[in-house]
C-alpha atoms as a PDB file:
ATOM      1  CA  MET A   1    -113.969  24.393  40.028  1.00  0.00           C
ATOM      2  CA  ARG A   2    -113.976  27.082  42.677  1.00  0.00           C
ATOM      3  CA  PRO A   3    -110.782  28.486  44.224  1.00  0.00           C
ATOM      4  CA  ARG A   4    -109.788  27.566  47.745  1.00  0.00           C
ATOM      5  CA  VAL A   5    -107.460  29.205  50.244  1.00  0.00           C
ATOM      6  CA  VAL A   6    -105.571  27.365  52.981  1.00  0.00           C
ATOM      7  CA  TYR A   7    -104.194  29.413  55.892  1.00  0.00           C
ATOM      8  CA  VAL A   8    -101.234  28.406  58.047  1.00  0.00           C
ATOM      9  CA  HIS A   9    -100.998  30.466  61.241  1.00  0.00           C
ATOM     10  CA  GLY A  10     -97.835  31.600  62.977  1.00  0.00           C
ATOM     11  CA  ASN A  11     -96.156  31.635  66.372  1.00  0.00           C
ATOM     12  CA  GLY A  12     -97.907  31.516  69.717  1.00  0.00           C
ATOM     13  CA  ASN A  13    -101.178  30.144  71.005  1.00  0.00           C
ATOM     14  CA  LYS A  14    -104.390  31.089  69.170  1.00  0.00           C
ATOM     15  CA  VAL A  15    -108.130  31.335  69.652  1.00  0.00           C
ATOM     16  CA  ARG A  16    -110.258  28.344  68.574  1.00  0.00           C
ATOM     17  CA  PRO A  17    -109.758  27.411  64.905  1.00  0.00           C
ATOM     18  CA  GLU A  18    -113.157  28.439  63.530  1.00  0.00           C
ATOM     19  CA  LEU A  19    -112.819  31.904  65.067  1.00  0.00           C
ATOM     20  CA  LEU A  20    -109.235  32.253  63.860  1.00  0.00           C
ATOM     21  CA  LYS A  21    -110.271  31.285  60.318  1.00  0.00           C
ATOM     22  CA  SER A  22    -113.080  33.841  60.379  1.00  0.00           C
ATOM     23  CA  GLN A  23    -110.653  36.555  61.528  1.00  0.00           C
ATOM     24  CA  TRP A  24    -108.283  35.792  58.655  1.00  0.00           C
ATOM     25  CA  ASP A  25    -111.196  35.685  56.187  1.00  0.00           C
ATOM     26  CA  THR A  26    -112.401  39.081  57.336  1.00  0.00           C
ATOM     27  CA  ALA A  27    -108.950  40.645  57.131  1.00  0.00           C
ATOM     28  CA  LEU A  28    -108.222  39.235  53.662  1.00  0.00           C
ATOM     29  CA  PHE A  29    -111.652  39.238  51.991  1.00  0.00           C
ATOM     30  CA  GLY A  30    -113.838  41.432  54.178  1.00  0.00           C
ATOM     31  CA  ARG A  31    -116.255  38.562  54.824  1.00  0.00           C
ATOM     32  CA  ASP A  32    -116.420  34.986  56.062  1.00  0.00           C
ATOM     33  CA  MET A  33    -115.482  32.632  53.237  1.00  0.00           C
ATOM     34  CA  ALA A  34    -117.275  29.544  54.635  1.00  0.00           C
ATOM     35  CA  GLU A  35    -116.085  26.384  52.856  1.00  0.00           C
ATOM     36  CA  ALA A  36    -113.838  28.313  50.459  1.00  0.00           C
ATOM     37  CA  SER A  37    -111.180  28.688  53.164  1.00  0.00           C
ATOM     38  CA  ARG A  38    -109.443  26.323  55.559  1.00  0.00           C
ATOM     39  CA  MET A  39    -107.232  26.951  58.574  1.00  0.00           C
ATOM     40  CA  ALA A  40    -104.261  24.650  59.171  1.00  0.00           C
ATOM     41  CA  TYR A  41    -104.516  24.941  62.938  1.00  0.00           C
ATOM     42  CA  TRP A  42    -101.321  23.491  64.405  1.00  0.00           C
ATOM     43  CA  ALA A  43    -101.455  25.338  67.766  1.00  0.00           C
ATOM     44  CA  PRO A  44    -102.526  22.179  69.720  1.00  0.00           C
ATOM     45  CA  VAL A  45     -99.161  20.633  68.856  1.00  0.00           C
ATOM     46  CA  ARG A  46     -97.617  23.191  71.212  1.00  0.00           C
ATOM     47  CA  TYR A  47    -100.444  24.494  73.401  1.00  0.00           C
ATOM     48  CA  PRO A  48    -102.977  22.325  75.285  1.00  0.00           C
ATOM     49  CA  GLU A  49    -105.884  24.802  75.217  1.00  0.00           C
ATOM     50  CA  PRO A  50    -106.794  27.658  72.838  1.00  0.00           C
ATOM     51  CA  LEU A  51    -106.895  31.230  74.014  1.00  0.00           C
ATOM     52  CA  PRO A  52    -110.274  32.513  75.207  1.00  0.00           C
ATOM     53  CA  ASP A  53    -112.263  34.195  72.441  1.00  0.00           C
ATOM     54  CA  PHE A  54    -111.777  37.648  73.924  1.00  0.00           C
ATOM     55  CA  ARG A  55    -107.984  37.339  74.169  1.00  0.00           C
ATOM     56  CA  THR A  56    -105.559  38.056  71.370  1.00  0.00           C
ATOM     57  CA  ASP A  57    -102.068  36.627  71.566  1.00  0.00           C
ATOM     58  CA  ALA A  58     -99.452  39.356  71.756  1.00  0.00           C
ATOM     59  CA  PRO A  59     -97.412  37.844  68.877  1.00  0.00           C
ATOM     60  CA  ALA A  60    -100.403  38.636  66.642  1.00  0.00           C
ATOM     61  CA  GLY A  61     -99.625  42.283  67.139  1.00  0.00           C
ATOM     62  CA  ARG A  62    -101.909  43.652  69.865  1.00  0.00           C
ATOM     63  CA  PRO A  63    -100.852  44.692  73.384  1.00  0.00           C
ATOM     64  CA  GLU A  64    -103.710  43.201  75.444  1.00  0.00           C
ATOM     65  CA  LEU A  65    -101.254  41.226  77.541  1.00  0.00           C
ATOM     66  CA  VAL A  66     -98.773  43.994  78.308  1.00  0.00           C
ATOM     67  CA  GLU A  67     -99.486  44.148  82.056  1.00  0.00           C
ATOM     68  CA  GLU A  68     -98.804  40.432  82.381  1.00  0.00           C
ATOM     69  CA  LEU A  69     -95.685  40.766  80.232  1.00  0.00           C
ATOM     70  CA  VAL A  70     -94.214  43.509  82.353  1.00  0.00           C
ATOM     71  CA  GLU A  71     -94.780  41.369  85.444  1.00  0.00           C
ATOM     72  CA  GLU A  72     -92.918  38.514  83.771  1.00  0.00           C
ATOM     73  CA  MET A  73     -89.809  40.597  83.167  1.00  0.00           C
ATOM     74  CA  PRO A  74     -87.355  40.393  86.087  1.00  0.00           C
ATOM     75  CA  ALA A  75     -86.560  43.705  87.744  1.00  0.00           C
ATOM     76  CA  ARG A  76     -83.082  44.948  86.837  1.00  0.00           C
ATOM     77  CA  PRO A  77     -81.182  48.133  87.552  1.00  0.00           C
ATOM     78  CA  ASP A  78     -80.801  49.072  83.884  1.00  0.00           C
ATOM     79  CA  ARG A  79     -82.924  51.818  82.355  1.00  0.00           C
ATOM     80  CA  ALA A  80     -85.337  49.425  80.662  1.00  0.00           C
ATOM     81  CA  GLY A  81     -86.224  47.643  83.880  1.00  0.00           C
ATOM     82  CA  ALA A  82     -85.516  44.385  82.039  1.00  0.00           C
ATOM     83  CA  GLU A  83     -82.632  41.942  81.990  1.00  0.00           C
ATOM     84  CA  PRO A  84     -79.755  42.745  79.622  1.00  0.00           C
ATOM     85  CA  PRO A  85     -80.120  41.347  76.091  1.00  0.00           C
ATOM     86  CA  GLU A  86     -77.462  38.643  76.410  1.00  0.00           C
ATOM     87  CA  GLU A  87     -79.076  37.312  79.591  1.00  0.00           C
ATOM     88  CA  PHE A  88     -82.481  37.272  77.913  1.00  0.00           C
ATOM     89  CA  VAL A  89     -81.021  35.426  74.908  1.00  0.00           C
ATOM     90  CA  ALA A  90     -79.321  32.832  77.115  1.00  0.00           C
ATOM     91  CA  ARG A  91     -82.446  32.289  79.216  1.00  0.00           C
ATOM     92  CA  THR A  92     -84.710  31.946  76.184  1.00  0.00           C
ATOM     93  CA  LEU A  93     -82.317  29.486  74.552  1.00  0.00           C
ATOM     94  CA  ASP A  94     -82.126  27.432  77.753  1.00  0.00           C
ATOM     95  CA  GLU A  95     -85.923  27.355  78.016  1.00  0.00           C
ATOM     96  CA  ALA A  96     -86.203  26.247  74.397  1.00  0.00           C
ATOM     97  CA  ARG A  97     -83.687  23.458  74.981  1.00  0.00           C
ATOM     98  CA  ARG A  98     -85.603  22.228  78.023  1.00  0.00           C
ATOM     99  CA  GLU A  99     -88.848  22.206  76.068  1.00  0.00           C
ATOM    100  CA  ALA A 100     -87.094  20.251  73.315  1.00  0.00           C
ATOM    101  CA  GLY A 101     -85.945  17.635  75.783  1.00  0.00           C
ATOM    102  CA  GLY A 102     -82.369  18.739  76.304  1.00  0.00           C
ATOM    103  CA  THR A 103     -79.719  19.019  73.639  1.00  0.00           C
ATOM    104  CA  GLY A 104     -81.524  19.019  70.321  1.00  0.00           C
ATOM    105  CA  LEU A 105     -80.819  15.370  69.565  1.00  0.00           C
ATOM    106  CA  GLU A 106     -84.083  15.210  67.626  1.00  0.00           C
ATOM    107  CA  ALA A 107     -82.846  17.847  65.214  1.00  0.00           C
ATOM    108  CA  ARG A 108     -82.501  17.018  61.566  1.00  0.00           C
ATOM    109  CA  ALA A 109     -79.235  15.294  60.731  1.00  0.00           C
ATOM    110  CA  GLY A 110     -76.305  17.587  60.132  1.00  0.00           C
ATOM    111  CA  THR A 111     -77.813  20.690  61.734  1.00  0.00           C
ATOM    112  CA  ASP A 112     -77.301  22.394  65.064  1.00  0.00           C
ATOM    113  CA  GLU A 113     -78.915  25.263  66.888  1.00  0.00           C
ATOM    114  CA  SER A 114     -76.024  27.730  66.842  1.00  0.00           C
ATOM    115  CA  ALA A 115     -77.178  29.493  63.671  1.00  0.00           C
ATOM    116  CA  LEU A 116     -80.709  29.740  65.001  1.00  0.00           C
ATOM    117  CA  ALA A 117     -79.335  31.252  68.200  1.00  0.00           C
ATOM    118  CA  ASP A 118     -77.776  34.027  66.102  1.00  0.00           C
ATOM    119  CA  TRP A 119     -81.243  34.838  64.784  1.00  0.00           C
ATOM    120  CA  LEU A 120     -82.542  34.978  68.372  1.00  0.00           C
ATOM    121  CA  ARG A 121     -79.782  37.433  69.290  1.00  0.00           C
ATOM    122  CA  ASP A 122     -80.489  39.645  66.285  1.00  0.00           C
ATOM    123  CA  MET A 123     -84.218  39.695  67.049  1.00  0.00           C
ATOM    124  CA  THR A 124     -83.562  40.649  70.660  1.00  0.00           C
ATOM    125  CA  TYR A 125     -81.309  43.570  69.839  1.00  0.00           C
ATOM    126  CA  LEU A 126     -83.731  44.861  67.227  1.00  0.00           C
ATOM    127  CA  ALA A 127     -86.578  44.544  69.731  1.00  0.00           C
ATOM    128  CA  ASP A 128     -84.705  46.636  72.268  1.00  0.00           C
ATOM    129  CA  THR A 129     -83.815  49.197  69.601  1.00  0.00           C
ATOM    130  CA  LEU A 130     -87.476  49.560  68.613  1.00  0.00           C
ATOM    131  CA  ALA A 131     -88.481  49.915  72.257  1.00  0.00           C
ATOM    132  CA  LEU A 132     -85.851  52.607  72.771  1.00  0.00           C
ATOM    133  CA  SER A 133     -86.942  54.485  69.635  1.00  0.00           C
ATOM    134  CA  GLY A 134     -90.236  55.318  71.301  1.00  0.00           C
ATOM    135  CA  GLU A 135     -88.698  56.795  74.450  1.00  0.00           C
ATOM    136  CA  GLN A 136     -89.184  60.507  75.008  1.00  0.00           C
ATOM    137  CA  ASP A 137     -85.860  62.266  75.543  1.00  0.00           C
ATOM    138  CA  GLU A 138     -87.536  65.442  76.771  1.00  0.00           C
ATOM    139  CA  PRO A 139     -90.829  66.044  78.548  1.00  0.00           C
ATOM    140  CA  GLY A 140     -93.522  66.894  76.044  1.00  0.00           C
ATOM    141  CA  ALA A 141     -91.561  65.539  73.062  1.00  0.00           C
ATOM    142  CA  GLU A 142     -93.686  63.850  70.432  1.00  0.00           C
ATOM    143  CA  LEU A 143     -93.357  60.104  70.029  1.00  0.00           C
ATOM    144  CA  PRO A 144     -92.662  58.617  66.593  1.00  0.00           C
ATOM    145  CA  LEU A 145     -95.813  57.436  64.847  1.00  0.00           C
ATOM    146  CA  GLU A 146     -94.833  53.797  65.204  1.00  0.00           C
ATOM    147  CA  ALA A 147     -94.168  54.044  68.954  1.00  0.00           C
ATOM    148  CA  LEU A 148     -96.453  52.163  71.290  1.00  0.00           C
ATOM    149  CA  PRO A 149     -98.460  54.159  73.851  1.00  0.00           C
ATOM    150  CA  LEU A 150     -96.592  52.359  76.638  1.00  0.00           C
ATOM    151  CA  PRO A 151     -93.667  53.050  78.961  1.00  0.00           C
ATOM    152  CA  ARG A 152     -90.429  51.685  77.585  1.00  0.00           C
ATOM    153  CA  THR A 153     -90.521  48.722  79.976  1.00  0.00           C
ATOM    154  CA  GLY A 154     -93.872  47.706  78.517  1.00  0.00           C
ATOM    155  CA  ARG A 155     -92.655  48.075  74.956  1.00  0.00           C
ATOM    156  CA  THR A 156     -89.545  46.040  75.735  1.00  0.00           C
ATOM    157  CA  ALA A 157     -91.645  43.302  77.331  1.00  0.00           C
ATOM    158  CA  LEU A 158     -94.042  43.196  74.384  1.00  0.00           C
ATOM    159  CA  PHE A 159     -91.306  43.034  71.770  1.00  0.00           C
ATOM    160  CA  ARG A 160     -89.401  40.413  73.750  1.00  0.00           C
ATOM    161  CA  LEU A 161     -92.541  38.281  74.044  1.00  0.00           C
ATOM    162  CA  LEU A 162     -92.689  38.186  70.251  1.00  0.00           C
ATOM    163  CA  VAL A 163     -88.996  37.248  70.177  1.00  0.00           C
ATOM    164  CA  LYS A 164     -89.492  34.469  72.711  1.00  0.00           C
ATOM    165  CA  HIS A 165     -92.563  32.949  71.055  1.00  0.00           C
ATOM    166  CA  ALA A 166     -91.081  33.196  67.586  1.00  0.00           C
ATOM    167  CA  PHE A 167     -87.809  31.571  68.602  1.00  0.00           C
ATOM    168  CA  LYS A 168     -89.218  28.895  70.906  1.00  0.00           C
ATOM    169  CA  ASP A 169     -91.850  27.736  68.410  1.00  0.00           C
ATOM    170  CA  VAL A 170     -89.313  27.685  65.571  1.00  0.00           C
ATOM    171  CA  HIS A 171     -86.866  25.857  67.855  1.00  0.00           C
ATOM    172  CA  ALA A 172     -89.599  23.320  68.667  1.00  0.00           C
ATOM    173  CA  TYR A 173     -90.258  22.900  64.945  1.00  0.00           C
ATOM    174  CA  PHE A 174     -86.635  22.193  64.056  1.00  0.00           C
ATOM    175  CA  PHE A 175     -85.302  20.653  67.278  1.00  0.00           C
ATOM    176  CA  GLY A 176     -88.162  19.632  69.550  1.00  0.00           C
ATOM    177  CA  GLY A 177     -89.774  16.962  67.412  1.00  0.00           C
ATOM    178  CA  ALA A 178     -92.829  19.152  66.681  1.00  0.00           C
ATOM    179  CA  GLY A 179     -92.123  19.631  62.971  1.00  0.00           C
ATOM    180  CA  PRO A 180     -93.719  16.433  61.606  1.00  0.00           C
ATOM    181  CA  ALA A 181     -96.963  17.003  63.530  1.00  0.00           C
ATOM    182  CA  MET A 182     -97.144  20.649  62.388  1.00  0.00           C
ATOM    183  CA  ARG A 183     -96.601  19.649  58.761  1.00  0.00           C
ATOM    184  CA  GLU A 184     -99.201  16.912  59.039  1.00  0.00           C
ATOM    185  CA  VAL A 185    -101.828  19.497  59.986  1.00  0.00           C
ATOM    186  CA  VAL A 186    -101.110  21.384  56.761  1.00  0.00           C
ATOM    187  CA  LYS A 187    -101.192  18.198  54.696  1.00  0.00           C
ATOM    188  CA  GLU A 188    -104.583  17.284  56.146  1.00  0.00           C
ATOM    189  CA  GLN A 189    -106.043  20.632  55.109  1.00  0.00           C
ATOM    190  CA  LEU A 190    -104.626  20.292  51.600  1.00  0.00           C
ATOM    191  CA  ASP A 191    -105.930  16.759  51.188  1.00  0.00           C
ATOM    192  CA  GLY A 192    -109.316  16.350  49.598  1.00  0.00           C
ATOM    193  CA  LEU A 193    -109.361  19.643  47.716  1.00  0.00           C
ATOM    194  CA  ASP A 194    -111.186  19.406  44.413  1.00  0.00           C
ATOM    195  CA  GLY A 195    -108.403  20.559  42.118  1.00  0.00           C
ATOM    196  CA  GLY A 196    -109.574  24.145  41.651  1.00  0.00           C
ATOM    197  CA  PRO A 197    -107.202  27.114  41.913  1.00  0.00           C
ATOM    198  CA  LEU A 198    -105.376  26.970  45.235  1.00  0.00           C
ATOM    199  CA  VAL A 199    -103.998  29.835  47.310  1.00  0.00           C
ATOM    200  CA  VAL A 200    -101.829  29.118  50.371  1.00  0.00           C
ATOM    201  CA  VAL A 201    -101.315  31.921  52.898  1.00  0.00           C
ATOM    202  CA  GLY A 202     -98.761  31.571  55.699  1.00  0.00           C
ATOM    203  CA  HIS A 203     -97.737  33.868  58.528  1.00  0.00           C
ATOM    204  CA  SER A 204     -94.474  33.794  60.502  1.00  0.00           C
ATOM    205  CA  LEU A 205     -93.552  30.191  61.424  1.00  0.00           C
ATOM    206  CA  GLY A 206     -96.551  29.133  59.334  1.00  0.00           C
ATOM    207  CA  THR A 207     -94.628  30.209  56.244  1.00  0.00           C
ATOM    208  CA  ILE A 208     -91.873  27.701  57.046  1.00  0.00           C
ATOM    209  CA  ILE A 209     -94.369  24.904  57.650  1.00  0.00           C
ATOM    210  CA  ALA A 210     -96.350  25.655  54.475  1.00  0.00           C
ATOM    211  CA  TYR A 211     -93.192  26.006  52.409  1.00  0.00           C
ATOM    212  CA  GLU A 212     -91.725  22.676  53.501  1.00  0.00           C
ATOM    213  CA  VAL A 213     -95.006  20.843  52.852  1.00  0.00           C
ATOM    214  CA  LEU A 214     -95.226  22.332  49.358  1.00  0.00           C
ATOM    215  CA  MET A 215     -91.582  21.433  48.687  1.00  0.00           C
ATOM    216  CA  GLU A 216     -92.332  17.860  49.696  1.00  0.00           C
ATOM    217  CA  GLN A 217     -95.581  17.482  47.772  1.00  0.00           C
ATOM    218  CA  ALA A 218     -94.951  19.618  44.651  1.00  0.00           C
ATOM    219  CA  ARG A 219     -98.688  20.387  44.760  1.00  0.00           C
ATOM    220  CA  GLU A 220    -100.019  22.841  42.191  1.00  0.00           C
ATOM    221  CA  VAL A 221    -100.553  26.210  43.864  1.00  0.00           C
ATOM    222  CA  GLU A 222    -101.632  29.238  41.860  1.00  0.00           C
ATOM    223  CA  LEU A 223    -100.431  31.654  44.527  1.00  0.00           C
ATOM    224  CA  LEU A 224     -98.315  31.286  47.659  1.00  0.00           C
ATOM    225  CA  VAL A 225     -98.497  34.277  50.018  1.00  0.00           C
ATOM    226  CA  THR A 226     -96.043  34.617  52.907  1.00  0.00           C
ATOM    227  CA  VAL A 227     -96.210  37.495  55.385  1.00  0.00           C
ATOM    228  CA  GLY A 228     -93.862  38.267  58.280  1.00  0.00           C
ATOM    229  CA  SER A 229     -91.760  35.321  57.152  1.00  0.00           C
ATOM    230  CA  PRO A 230     -88.301  34.298  58.412  1.00  0.00           C
ATOM    231  CA  LEU A 231     -87.643  32.256  55.240  1.00  0.00           C
ATOM    232  CA  ALA A 232     -85.237  34.882  53.890  1.00  0.00           C
ATOM    233  CA  ILE A 233     -82.997  34.594  56.967  1.00  0.00           C
ATOM    234  CA  ALA A 234     -79.836  32.573  56.350  1.00  0.00           C
ATOM    235  CA  GLU A 235     -79.939  31.043  59.845  1.00  0.00           C
ATOM    236  CA  VAL A 236     -83.395  29.621  59.104  1.00  0.00           C
ATOM    237  CA  GLN A 237     -82.466  28.490  55.597  1.00  0.00           C
ATOM    238  CA  ASP A 238     -79.627  26.468  57.146  1.00  0.00           C
ATOM    239  CA  HIS A 239     -82.236  24.252  58.821  1.00  0.00           C
ATOM    240  CA  LEU A 240     -84.602  23.608  55.914  1.00  0.00           C
ATOM    241  CA  ALA A 241     -84.894  19.997  54.789  1.00  0.00           C
ATOM    242  CA  ARG A 242     -84.129  20.966  51.173  1.00  0.00           C
ATOM    243  CA  PRO A 243     -82.066  23.803  49.661  1.00  0.00           C
ATOM    244  CA  PRO A 244     -84.112  26.989  49.161  1.00  0.00           C
ATOM    245  CA  ALA A 245     -86.125  27.106  45.934  1.00  0.00           C
ATOM    246  CA  VAL A 246     -89.620  27.933  44.764  1.00  0.00           C
ATOM    247  CA  PRO A 247     -91.668  24.759  45.319  1.00  0.00           C
ATOM    248  CA  ALA A 248     -92.139  23.018  41.974  1.00  0.00           C
ATOM    249  CA  GLY A 249     -95.919  23.442  41.832  1.00  0.00           C
ATOM    250  CA  VAL A 250     -96.048  27.109  42.880  1.00  0.00           C
ATOM    251  CA  ALA A 251     -96.860  29.391  39.941  1.00  0.00           C
ATOM    252  CA  ALA A 252     -96.369  32.679  41.832  1.00  0.00           C
ATOM    253  CA  TRP A 253     -95.087  33.649  45.276  1.00  0.00           C
ATOM    254  CA  ARG A 254     -95.679  37.001  46.983  1.00  0.00           C
ATOM    255  CA  ASN A 255     -93.682  37.699  50.142  1.00  0.00           C
ATOM    256  CA  ALA A 256     -94.636  40.759  52.225  1.00  0.00           C
ATOM    257  CA  SER A 257     -92.934  42.184  55.293  1.00  0.00           C
ATOM    258  CA  ASP A 258     -92.547  45.367  57.318  1.00  0.00           C
ATOM    259  CA  LEU A 259     -88.998  46.648  57.812  1.00  0.00           C
ATOM    260  CA  ARG A 260     -89.675  46.790  61.576  1.00  0.00           C
ATOM    261  CA  ASP A 261     -90.874  43.177  61.801  1.00  0.00           C
ATOM    262  CA  LEU A 262     -88.550  41.340  64.204  1.00  0.00           C
ATOM    263  CA  VAL A 263     -89.376  37.908  62.817  1.00  0.00           C
ATOM    264  CA  ALA A 264     -88.686  38.748  59.182  1.00  0.00           C
ATOM    265  CA  LEU A 265     -85.377  40.657  59.649  1.00  0.00           C
ATOM    266  CA  ASP A 266     -84.317  39.788  56.074  1.00  0.00           C
ATOM    267  CA  HIS A 267     -86.962  40.882  53.591  1.00  0.00           C
ATOM    268  CA  THR A 268     -85.831  39.496  50.233  1.00  0.00           C
ATOM    269  CA  LEU A 269     -86.422  35.930  49.092  1.00  0.00           C
ATOM    270  CA  ARG A 270     -85.049  36.596  45.630  1.00  0.00           C
ATOM    271  CA  PRO A 271     -82.657  35.277  44.377  1.00  0.00           C
ATOM    272  CA  GLU A 272     -82.125  32.591  47.064  1.00  0.00           C
ATOM    273  CA  TYR A 273     -85.430  30.997  46.053  1.00  0.00           C
ATOM    274  CA  ALA A 274     -85.139  30.319  42.317  1.00  0.00           C
ATOM    275  CA  PRO A 275     -86.567  30.748  39.772  1.00  0.00           C
ATOM    276  CA  GLU A 276     -86.644  34.341  40.979  1.00  0.00           C
ATOM    277  CA  GLU A 277     -89.142  35.497  38.332  1.00  0.00           C
ATOM    278  CA  ARG A 278     -91.869  33.665  40.272  1.00  0.00           C
ATOM    279  CA  VAL A 279     -91.127  35.594  43.468  1.00  0.00           C
ATOM    280  CA  THR A 280     -92.255  39.109  44.333  1.00  0.00           C
ATOM    281  CA  ASP A 281     -90.890  40.684  47.529  1.00  0.00           C
ATOM    282  CA  LEU A 282     -93.030  43.475  48.962  1.00  0.00           C
ATOM    283  CA  LEU A 283     -92.305  46.001  51.691  1.00  0.00           C
ATOM    284  CA  VAL A 284     -95.547  47.050  53.382  1.00  0.00           C
ATOM    285  CA  THR A 285     -96.526  49.082  56.425  1.00  0.00           C
ATOM    286  CA  ASN A 286     -97.773  46.972  59.324  1.00  0.00           C
ATOM    287  CA  ASP A 287     -98.816  49.351  62.090  1.00  0.00           C
ATOM    288  CA  SER A 288     -99.749  46.687  64.616  1.00  0.00           C
ATOM    289  CA  SER A 289     -98.038  47.178  67.963  1.00  0.00           C
ATOM    290  CA  ASN A 290     -95.147  44.887  67.066  1.00  0.00           C
ATOM    291  CA  HIS A 291     -95.325  45.319  63.264  1.00  0.00           C
ATOM    292  CA  HIS A 292     -95.956  41.575  62.902  1.00  0.00           C
ATOM    293  CA  GLY A 293     -99.754  41.418  63.223  1.00  0.00           C
ATOM    294  CA  ILE A 294    -101.534  39.096  60.818  1.00  0.00           C
ATOM    295  CA  SER A 295    -104.683  41.190  60.356  1.00  0.00           C
ATOM    296  CA  GLU A 296    -102.614  44.203  59.390  1.00  0.00           C
ATOM    297  CA  TYR A 297    -100.628  42.151  56.875  1.00  0.00           C
ATOM    298  CA  LEU A 298    -103.707  40.613  55.270  1.00  0.00           C
ATOM    299  CA  ALA A 299    -105.403  44.003  54.986  1.00  0.00           C
ATOM    300  CA  GLN A 300    -102.600  45.387  52.778  1.00  0.00           C
ATOM    301  CA  HIS A 301    -103.706  46.033  49.196  1.00  0.00           C
ATOM    302  CA  GLU A 302    -100.540  44.395  47.856  1.00  0.00           C
ATOM    303  CA  VAL A 303    -101.465  41.204  49.740  1.00  0.00           C
ATOM    304  CA  ARG A 304    -105.237  41.197  49.198  1.00  0.00           C
ATOM    305  CA  ALA A 305    -105.448  42.183  45.534  1.00  0.00           C
ATOM    306  CA  PRO A 306    -103.822  39.129  43.883  1.00  0.00           C
ATOM    307  CA  VAL A 307    -105.781  36.739  46.105  1.00  0.00           C
ATOM    308  CA  GLN A 308    -109.079  38.462  45.373  1.00  0.00           C
ATOM    309  CA  ARG A 309    -108.341  38.461  41.617  1.00  0.00           C
ATOM    310  CA  ILE A 310    -108.100  34.679  41.693  1.00  0.00           C
ATOM    311  CA  PHE A 311    -111.451  34.394  43.456  1.00  0.00           C
ATOM    312  CA  ASP A 312    -113.146  37.093  41.371  1.00  0.00           C
ATOM    313  CA  GLY A 313    -111.867  35.545  38.140  1.00  0.00           C
ATOM    314  CA  ALA A 314    -113.488  32.231  38.995  1.00  0.00           C
ATOM    315  CA  GLY A 315    -116.887  33.818  39.630  1.00  0.00           C
END
């Protein structure tokens, strides 16, 4: 039986599902995979309409929306032209609470949002540090290779948009009642597969959703691939339904991240997710504008090669 791959996308709104699937196919395989791939498209749980085809969401790693982002940032007297980090953290947390219906009463029993708020704070400070790292101290000074070709205000706005989307969607997953519907989308895409070798690929929040579904189902998966994942972060692990472990049916797990990725922050799943011999943590270079872009992750040799071996071996 032929291999199949199921994708689970990450934070933020997306283009229509068939286009998104084709983009992931192209990045990972270099071609459209037709019926061999499926996209677990949970965006409608959070967003009423998909993005237009010509727009790319900034959390995916491209700065098409920078002008709008800069306009969103309130004018402040500090050098960045943006509100101080603690004010941004407080405002983002308040917005997430309002979207969740208030106080997080729909959260899983025994958990609260304080740990997740620590993750939000850490992401925000790292975002501002990355924005500052691209600032020219002297006229004519060369920018670091990873710096965005934007004024610092634009870089700050772009990085903080990633922070906001990542946190608010994760908050909605754990506290806003969105988790069951997101997981159901993944289950629907896994249902009806013919029993051939299965690869599951998740990005960002999609790694949490995919992981929890696989923990629940114990489905046989030849390879689980997570990129830009927050699963290694203690504050996220505190909110998982089950203690961290490799899902029972997963034969191998490859986890890739860029050291500059705000969402990942912690880059090592081993040994929290036992048995650790099934897990391979990889540090890769993601040169998208926010170092979190999905196409750049999927194009990495360390990510593509094991997936392609499964498909080539079945040919």
